[in-house]
Structures are given as structure tokens and as C-alpha cells.
Amino acid sequence: MRYAEELVDIGEYHFPAAKDIRKPELQMARTLVENLAGEWDPSQYKDEYRENLMKIIKAKMKGTEAHLVEHVDERPTEVVDLMERLRQSLEGAGKKTAARAKKTTAKAHRKRPHAA
């Protein structure tokens, strides 16, 4: 995770072209990213480590003791089983793909002319 002041423009980076990626792998990666993507605002977060470090430095320069802010998260932390979530996500995508394939097969059978 990065704080707002640490973010850089992606245009500064150059990535190699993907040559040997199979379509199913690419589709699975896209599905995974789309399922896990959400809105994120980096300005919601504060870099408390940096703030406290600067307080320590300034206090040492003045020859005094630093008064640091300790953040206590009051919300209980929910542990998420990522492998289980991934499996569920991929199963859900697989069901949609299977249903779509079944419809396509049914359409193909209906359109096929029968021998007279």
C-alpha cells in the first residue's frame, strides 16, 4: 500500500509486451482483478509512521522528548481465507461460462438443418 504522496504516474514505466499468454490465463486474471477491484481513495489514509518519525527528528533537534501518536484500530480484524475466496470466485465464473456454452450449443442444434 502506498500513501497519496508516494504515488507516481504509471506513464513513467514501460512494460514488456505479453507474447506467450494463453487466452484462458488472461481471462482468469481479468476475472480475478475485476472481482476484487473496488473504489480506493489514498487520501483516506495517513502515513503515521512518517509523521511520528518527523516528530522524533524535530524533538531531537530541539533537545526535547517527542510526543507520538499511536493509532489503535477499534474495529475487529476479520481474517479472510484468500484461497477460499479465489476458489469461489473461479467457480462462479465457471458456472457462468458453462451456462453460456450450454446456450450456444442449444442454439447450434436448433439452427442445424436436418436431412430430409
N, C-alpha and C. Protein backbone atom coordinates (compact mmCIF):
# COMPACT_ATOMS: atom_id res chain seq x y z
N MET A 1 0.85 -1.17 0.00
CA MET A 1 0.00 0.00 0.00
C MET A 1 0.89 1.23 0.00
N ARG A 2 0.49 2.22 -0.72
CA ARG A 2 1.23 3.47 -0.80
C ARG A 2 0.32 4.61 -0.35
N TYR A 3 0.92 5.63 0.19
CA TYR A 3 0.18 6.82 0.58
C TYR A 3 0.13 7.77 -0.60
N ALA A 4 -0.79 8.71 -0.55
CA ALA A 4 -1.04 9.61 -1.68
C ALA A 4 0.23 10.30 -2.16
N GLU A 5 1.08 10.74 -1.25
CA GLU A 5 2.29 11.46 -1.67
C GLU A 5 3.34 10.54 -2.28
N GLU A 6 3.16 9.23 -2.19
CA GLU A 6 4.12 8.28 -2.75
C GLU A 6 3.72 7.77 -4.13
N LEU A 7 2.53 8.10 -4.59
CA LEU A 7 2.05 7.59 -5.88
C LEU A 7 2.72 8.32 -7.03
N VAL A 8 2.97 7.59 -8.09
CA VAL A 8 3.60 8.16 -9.28
C VAL A 8 2.73 7.86 -10.50
N ASP A 9 2.97 8.60 -11.56
CA ASP A 9 2.24 8.41 -12.80
C ASP A 9 2.70 7.11 -13.46
N ILE A 10 1.76 6.27 -13.87
CA ILE A 10 2.10 4.98 -14.48
C ILE A 10 2.79 5.17 -15.83
N GLY A 11 2.64 6.34 -16.43
CA GLY A 11 3.29 6.63 -17.71
C GLY A 11 4.81 6.64 -17.61
N GLU A 12 5.34 6.70 -16.39
CA GLU A 12 6.79 6.69 -16.20
C GLU A 12 7.38 5.30 -16.40
N TYR A 13 6.54 4.28 -16.46
CA TYR A 13 7.02 2.91 -16.55
C TYR A 13 6.74 2.34 -17.93
N HIS A 14 7.62 1.47 -18.37
CA HIS A 14 7.46 0.80 -19.66
C HIS A 14 7.48 -0.70 -19.40
N PHE A 15 6.40 -1.38 -19.79
CA PHE A 15 6.27 -2.80 -19.55
C PHE A 15 6.46 -3.57 -20.85
N PRO A 16 7.08 -4.74 -20.78
CA PRO A 16 7.27 -5.53 -22.00
C PRO A 16 5.93 -6.07 -22.50
N ALA A 17 5.88 -6.32 -23.79
CA ALA A 17 4.66 -6.86 -24.40
C ALA A 17 4.47 -8.32 -23.97
N ALA A 18 3.23 -8.68 -23.76
CA ALA A 18 2.91 -10.06 -23.38
C ALA A 18 2.80 -10.90 -24.65
N LYS A 19 3.66 -11.90 -24.78
CA LYS A 19 3.67 -12.70 -26.00
C LYS A 19 3.09 -14.09 -25.79
N ASP A 20 3.50 -14.73 -24.73
CA ASP A 20 3.15 -16.14 -24.55
C ASP A 20 2.06 -16.35 -23.51
N ILE A 21 1.07 -15.49 -23.49
CA ILE A 21 -0.02 -15.64 -22.54
C ILE A 21 -1.19 -16.30 -23.26
N ARG A 22 -1.65 -17.40 -22.69
CA ARG A 22 -2.79 -18.08 -23.28
C ARG A 22 -4.07 -17.35 -22.91
N LYS A 23 -5.06 -17.41 -23.80
CA LYS A 23 -6.32 -16.69 -23.58
C LYS A 23 -7.02 -17.09 -22.28
N PRO A 24 -7.08 -18.38 -21.93
CA PRO A 24 -7.75 -18.73 -20.66
C PRO A 24 -7.04 -18.12 -19.44
N GLU A 25 -5.72 -18.07 -19.48
CA GLU A 25 -4.98 -17.47 -18.36
C GLU A 25 -5.27 -15.98 -18.26
N LEU A 26 -5.29 -15.33 -19.39
CA LEU A 26 -5.57 -13.90 -19.42
C LEU A 26 -6.99 -13.61 -18.93
N GLN A 27 -7.94 -14.42 -19.37
CA GLN A 27 -9.33 -14.24 -18.95
C GLN A 27 -9.47 -14.47 -17.45
N MET A 28 -8.79 -15.49 -16.92
CA MET A 28 -8.85 -15.77 -15.49
C MET A 28 -8.26 -14.60 -14.70
N ALA A 29 -7.16 -14.06 -15.18
CA ALA A 29 -6.54 -12.92 -14.49
C ALA A 29 -7.47 -11.70 -14.52
N ARG A 30 -8.08 -11.45 -15.66
CA ARG A 30 -9.01 -10.31 -15.76
C ARG A 30 -10.21 -10.50 -14.84
N THR A 31 -10.75 -11.71 -14.81
CA THR A 31 -11.89 -12.00 -13.95
C THR A 31 -11.52 -11.80 -12.49
N LEU A 32 -10.37 -12.27 -12.11
CA LEU A 32 -9.92 -12.13 -10.73
C LEU A 32 -9.77 -10.65 -10.36
N VAL A 33 -9.15 -9.89 -11.22
CA VAL A 33 -8.95 -8.46 -10.94
C VAL A 33 -10.29 -7.74 -10.89
N GLU A 34 -11.19 -8.03 -11.82
CA GLU A 34 -12.50 -7.38 -11.84
C GLU A 34 -13.30 -7.70 -10.59
N ASN A 35 -13.22 -8.95 -10.12
CA ASN A 35 -13.97 -9.35 -8.93
C ASN A 35 -13.43 -8.71 -7.66
N LEU A 36 -12.15 -8.44 -7.62
CA LEU A 36 -11.54 -7.89 -6.42
C LEU A 36 -11.38 -6.37 -6.46
N ALA A 37 -11.62 -5.78 -7.62
CA ALA A 37 -11.42 -4.34 -7.76
C ALA A 37 -12.53 -3.57 -7.05
N GLY A 38 -12.17 -2.40 -6.59
CA GLY A 38 -13.15 -1.53 -5.95
C GLY A 38 -12.61 -0.11 -5.89
N GLU A 39 -13.45 0.78 -5.44
CA GLU A 39 -13.03 2.17 -5.31
C GLU A 39 -12.01 2.29 -4.19
N TRP A 40 -11.00 3.10 -4.40
CA TRP A 40 -9.97 3.31 -3.39
C TRP A 40 -9.51 4.75 -3.46
N ASP A 41 -9.49 5.39 -2.32
CA ASP A 41 -9.07 6.78 -2.24
C ASP A 41 -7.87 6.86 -1.30
N PRO A 42 -6.66 7.04 -1.84
CA PRO A 42 -5.47 7.05 -0.99
C PRO A 42 -5.45 8.20 0.00
N SER A 43 -6.23 9.25 -0.24
CA SER A 43 -6.22 10.38 0.69
C SER A 43 -6.93 10.04 2.00
N GLN A 44 -7.60 8.90 2.06
CA GLN A 44 -8.26 8.46 3.30
C GLN A 44 -7.24 8.01 4.34
N TYR A 45 -6.04 7.74 3.92
CA TYR A 45 -5.04 7.16 4.80
C TYR A 45 -3.94 8.17 5.12
N LYS A 46 -3.45 8.09 6.34
CA LYS A 46 -2.37 8.96 6.77
C LYS A 46 -1.13 8.12 7.03
N ASP A 47 0.01 8.66 6.69
CA ASP A 47 1.27 7.99 6.94
C ASP A 47 1.72 8.36 8.36
N GLU A 48 1.21 7.65 9.34
CA GLU A 48 1.51 7.95 10.74
C GLU A 48 2.97 7.66 11.07
N TYR A 49 3.55 6.68 10.41
CA TYR A 49 4.95 6.38 10.65
C TYR A 49 5.82 7.58 10.29
N ARG A 50 5.56 8.14 9.13
CA ARG A 50 6.34 9.29 8.68
C ARG A 50 6.13 10.49 9.61
N GLU A 51 4.87 10.72 10.00
CA GLU A 51 4.58 11.83 10.90
C GLU A 51 5.32 11.66 12.23
N ASN A 52 5.27 10.46 12.79
CA ASN A 52 5.95 10.20 14.06
C ASN A 52 7.47 10.33 13.91
N LEU A 53 7.99 9.86 12.80
CA LEU A 53 9.42 9.97 12.57
C LEU A 53 9.85 11.44 12.51
N MET A 54 9.06 12.25 11.82
CA MET A 54 9.39 13.68 11.74
C MET A 54 9.29 14.34 13.12
N LYS A 55 8.33 13.91 13.94
CA LYS A 55 8.22 14.44 15.30
C LYS A 55 9.46 14.09 16.12
N ILE A 56 9.95 12.87 15.97
CA ILE A 56 11.15 12.43 16.69
C ILE A 56 12.35 13.27 16.25
N ILE A 57 12.49 13.45 14.95
CA ILE A 57 13.62 14.22 14.42
C ILE A 57 13.58 15.66 14.93
N LYS A 58 12.40 16.28 14.85
CA LYS A 58 12.28 17.67 15.30
C LYS A 58 12.51 17.79 16.81
N ALA A 59 12.00 16.81 17.57
CA ALA A 59 12.20 16.84 19.02
C ALA A 59 13.68 16.69 19.36
N LYS A 60 14.38 15.82 18.66
CA LYS A 60 15.81 15.64 18.92
C LYS A 60 16.58 16.90 18.56
N MET A 61 16.15 17.59 17.52
CA MET A 61 16.82 18.83 17.14
C MET A 61 16.64 19.89 18.23
N LYS A 62 15.48 19.87 18.89
CA LYS A 62 15.20 20.83 19.96
C LYS A 62 15.74 20.35 21.30
N GLY A 63 16.10 19.08 21.38
CA GLY A 63 16.58 18.51 22.63
C GLY A 63 15.46 18.15 23.59
N THR A 64 14.27 17.89 23.06
CA THR A 64 13.12 17.52 23.89
C THR A 64 12.65 16.11 23.56
N GLU A 65 11.64 15.67 24.28
CA GLU A 65 11.05 14.34 24.07
C GLU A 65 9.90 14.46 23.07
N ALA A 66 9.82 13.54 22.14
CA ALA A 66 8.74 13.56 21.14
C ALA A 66 7.47 12.97 21.72
N HIS A 67 6.33 13.58 21.39
CA HIS A 67 5.02 13.06 21.78
C HIS A 67 4.39 12.43 20.55
N LEU A 68 4.41 11.11 20.52
CA LEU A 68 3.98 10.38 19.34
C LEU A 68 2.51 10.00 19.41
N VAL A 69 1.91 9.89 18.23
CA VAL A 69 0.52 9.47 18.11
C VAL A 69 0.51 7.98 17.83
N GLU A 70 -0.19 7.24 18.69
CA GLU A 70 -0.31 5.80 18.47
C GLU A 70 -1.72 5.51 18.00
N HIS A 71 -1.82 4.93 16.84
CA HIS A 71 -3.13 4.62 16.27
C HIS A 71 -3.59 3.26 16.76
N VAL A 72 -4.79 3.22 17.30
CA VAL A 72 -5.38 1.96 17.74
C VAL A 72 -6.62 1.72 16.89
N ASP A 73 -6.61 0.62 16.18
CA ASP A 73 -7.74 0.27 15.33
C ASP A 73 -8.81 -0.37 16.20
N GLU A 74 -9.95 0.29 16.30
CA GLU A 74 -11.02 -0.19 17.18
C GLU A 74 -11.87 -1.27 16.53
N ARG A 75 -11.78 -1.38 15.23
CA ARG A 75 -12.57 -2.40 14.55
C ARG A 75 -11.90 -3.76 14.68
N PRO A 76 -12.69 -4.81 14.90
CA PRO A 76 -12.08 -6.14 14.94
C PRO A 76 -11.62 -6.52 13.54
N THR A 77 -10.52 -7.18 13.47
CA THR A 77 -9.97 -7.59 12.19
C THR A 77 -10.58 -8.92 11.78
N GLU A 78 -11.09 -8.95 10.56
CA GLU A 78 -11.68 -10.17 10.03
C GLU A 78 -10.64 -10.86 9.15
N VAL A 79 -10.31 -12.08 9.49
CA VAL A 79 -9.34 -12.83 8.71
C VAL A 79 -10.08 -13.48 7.55
N VAL A 80 -9.58 -13.24 6.35
CA VAL A 80 -10.23 -13.75 5.15
C VAL A 80 -9.35 -14.85 4.55
N ASP A 81 -9.97 -15.97 4.23
CA ASP A 81 -9.26 -17.06 3.58
C ASP A 81 -9.23 -16.76 2.08
N LEU A 82 -8.09 -16.26 1.61
CA LEU A 82 -7.99 -15.83 0.22
C LEU A 82 -8.13 -16.99 -0.77
N MET A 83 -7.61 -18.13 -0.41
CA MET A 83 -7.72 -19.28 -1.31
C MET A 83 -9.19 -19.69 -1.48
N GLU A 84 -9.94 -19.65 -0.39
CA GLU A 84 -11.36 -19.99 -0.47
C GLU A 84 -12.10 -18.96 -1.33
N ARG A 85 -11.79 -17.69 -1.14
CA ARG A 85 -12.42 -16.64 -1.94
C ARG A 85 -12.09 -16.81 -3.42
N LEU A 86 -10.84 -17.12 -3.72
CA LEU A 86 -10.43 -17.32 -5.11
C LEU A 86 -11.18 -18.50 -5.71
N ARG A 87 -11.27 -19.59 -4.95
CA ARG A 87 -11.98 -20.78 -5.44
C ARG A 87 -13.44 -20.44 -5.73
N GLN A 88 -14.09 -19.73 -4.81
CA GLN A 88 -15.49 -19.35 -5.01
C GLN A 88 -15.64 -18.44 -6.23
N SER A 89 -14.72 -17.52 -6.37
CA SER A 89 -14.77 -16.60 -7.49
C SER A 89 -14.64 -17.35 -8.82
N LEU A 90 -13.69 -18.26 -8.86
CA LEU A 90 -13.47 -19.01 -10.10
C LEU A 90 -14.61 -19.98 -10.37
N GLU A 91 -15.19 -20.56 -9.33
CA GLU A 91 -16.34 -21.44 -9.53
C GLU A 91 -17.52 -20.65 -10.08
N GLY A 92 -17.74 -19.46 -9.56
CA GLY A 92 -18.82 -18.62 -10.05
C GLY A 92 -18.63 -18.25 -11.50
N ALA A 93 -17.40 -17.94 -11.86
CA ALA A 93 -17.10 -17.60 -13.26
C ALA A 93 -17.26 -18.84 -14.13
N GLY A 94 -16.88 -20.01 -13.61
CA GLY A 94 -17.01 -21.25 -14.36
C GLY A 94 -18.46 -21.61 -14.63
N LYS A 95 -19.33 -21.35 -13.66
CA LYS A 95 -20.75 -21.64 -13.84
C LYS A 95 -21.34 -20.76 -14.93
N LYS A 96 -20.93 -19.49 -14.95
CA LYS A 96 -21.43 -18.57 -15.98
C LYS A 96 -20.95 -19.02 -17.35
N THR A 97 -19.70 -19.44 -17.43
CA THR A 97 -19.14 -19.90 -18.70
C THR A 97 -19.83 -21.17 -19.17
N ALA A 98 -20.09 -22.10 -18.24
CA ALA A 98 -20.76 -23.35 -18.59
C ALA A 98 -22.18 -23.08 -19.08
N ALA A 99 -22.88 -22.17 -18.42
CA ALA A 99 -24.25 -21.84 -18.82
C ALA A 99 -24.24 -21.20 -20.21
N ARG A 100 -23.27 -20.34 -20.45
CA ARG A 100 -23.16 -19.68 -21.75
C ARG A 100 -22.86 -20.71 -22.84
N ALA A 101 -21.99 -21.67 -22.55
CA ALA A 101 -21.64 -22.70 -23.52
C ALA A 101 -22.85 -23.58 -23.81
N LYS A 102 -23.64 -23.87 -22.79
CA LYS A 102 -24.83 -24.70 -22.97
C LYS A 102 -25.83 -24.01 -23.88
N LYS A 103 -26.01 -22.69 -23.69
CA LYS A 103 -26.92 -21.93 -24.54
C LYS A 103 -26.43 -21.92 -25.98
N THR A 104 -25.13 -21.74 -26.17
CA THR A 104 -24.55 -21.71 -27.51
C THR A 104 -24.74 -23.05 -28.20
N THR A 105 -24.54 -24.14 -27.48
CA THR A 105 -24.72 -25.48 -28.04
C THR A 105 -26.18 -25.70 -28.42
N ALA A 106 -27.09 -25.26 -27.57
CA ALA A 106 -28.52 -25.42 -27.86
C ALA A 106 -28.90 -24.63 -29.10
N LYS A 107 -28.38 -23.43 -29.26
CA LYS A 107 -28.66 -22.63 -30.45
C LYS A 107 -28.12 -23.32 -31.70
N ALA A 108 -26.94 -23.89 -31.60
CA ALA A 108 -26.31 -24.55 -32.75
C ALA A 108 -27.15 -25.74 -33.19
N HIS A 109 -27.71 -26.48 -32.23
CA HIS A 109 -28.54 -27.63 -32.58
C HIS A 109 -29.84 -27.19 -33.24
N ARG A 110 -30.40 -26.08 -32.82
CA ARG A 110 -31.65 -25.60 -33.40
C ARG A 110 -31.43 -25.09 -34.82
N LYS A 111 -30.30 -24.49 -35.09
CA LYS A 111 -30.04 -23.89 -36.40
C LYS A 111 -29.60 -24.92 -37.43
N ARG A 112 -29.12 -26.06 -36.99
CA ARG A 112 -28.59 -27.07 -37.89
C ARG A 112 -29.73 -27.66 -38.74
N PRO A 113 -29.60 -27.62 -40.06
CA PRO A 113 -30.66 -28.20 -40.90
C PRO A 113 -30.65 -29.73 -40.79
N HIS A 114 -31.82 -30.30 -40.78
CA HIS A 114 -31.95 -31.75 -40.69
C HIS A 114 -32.07 -32.34 -42.09
N ALA A 115 -31.52 -33.52 -42.26
CA ALA A 115 -31.60 -34.20 -43.55
C ALA A 115 -33.03 -34.67 -43.78
N ALA A 116 -33.53 -34.47 -44.98
CA ALA A 116 -34.92 -34.83 -45.27
C ALA A 116 -35.05 -36.17 -45.90
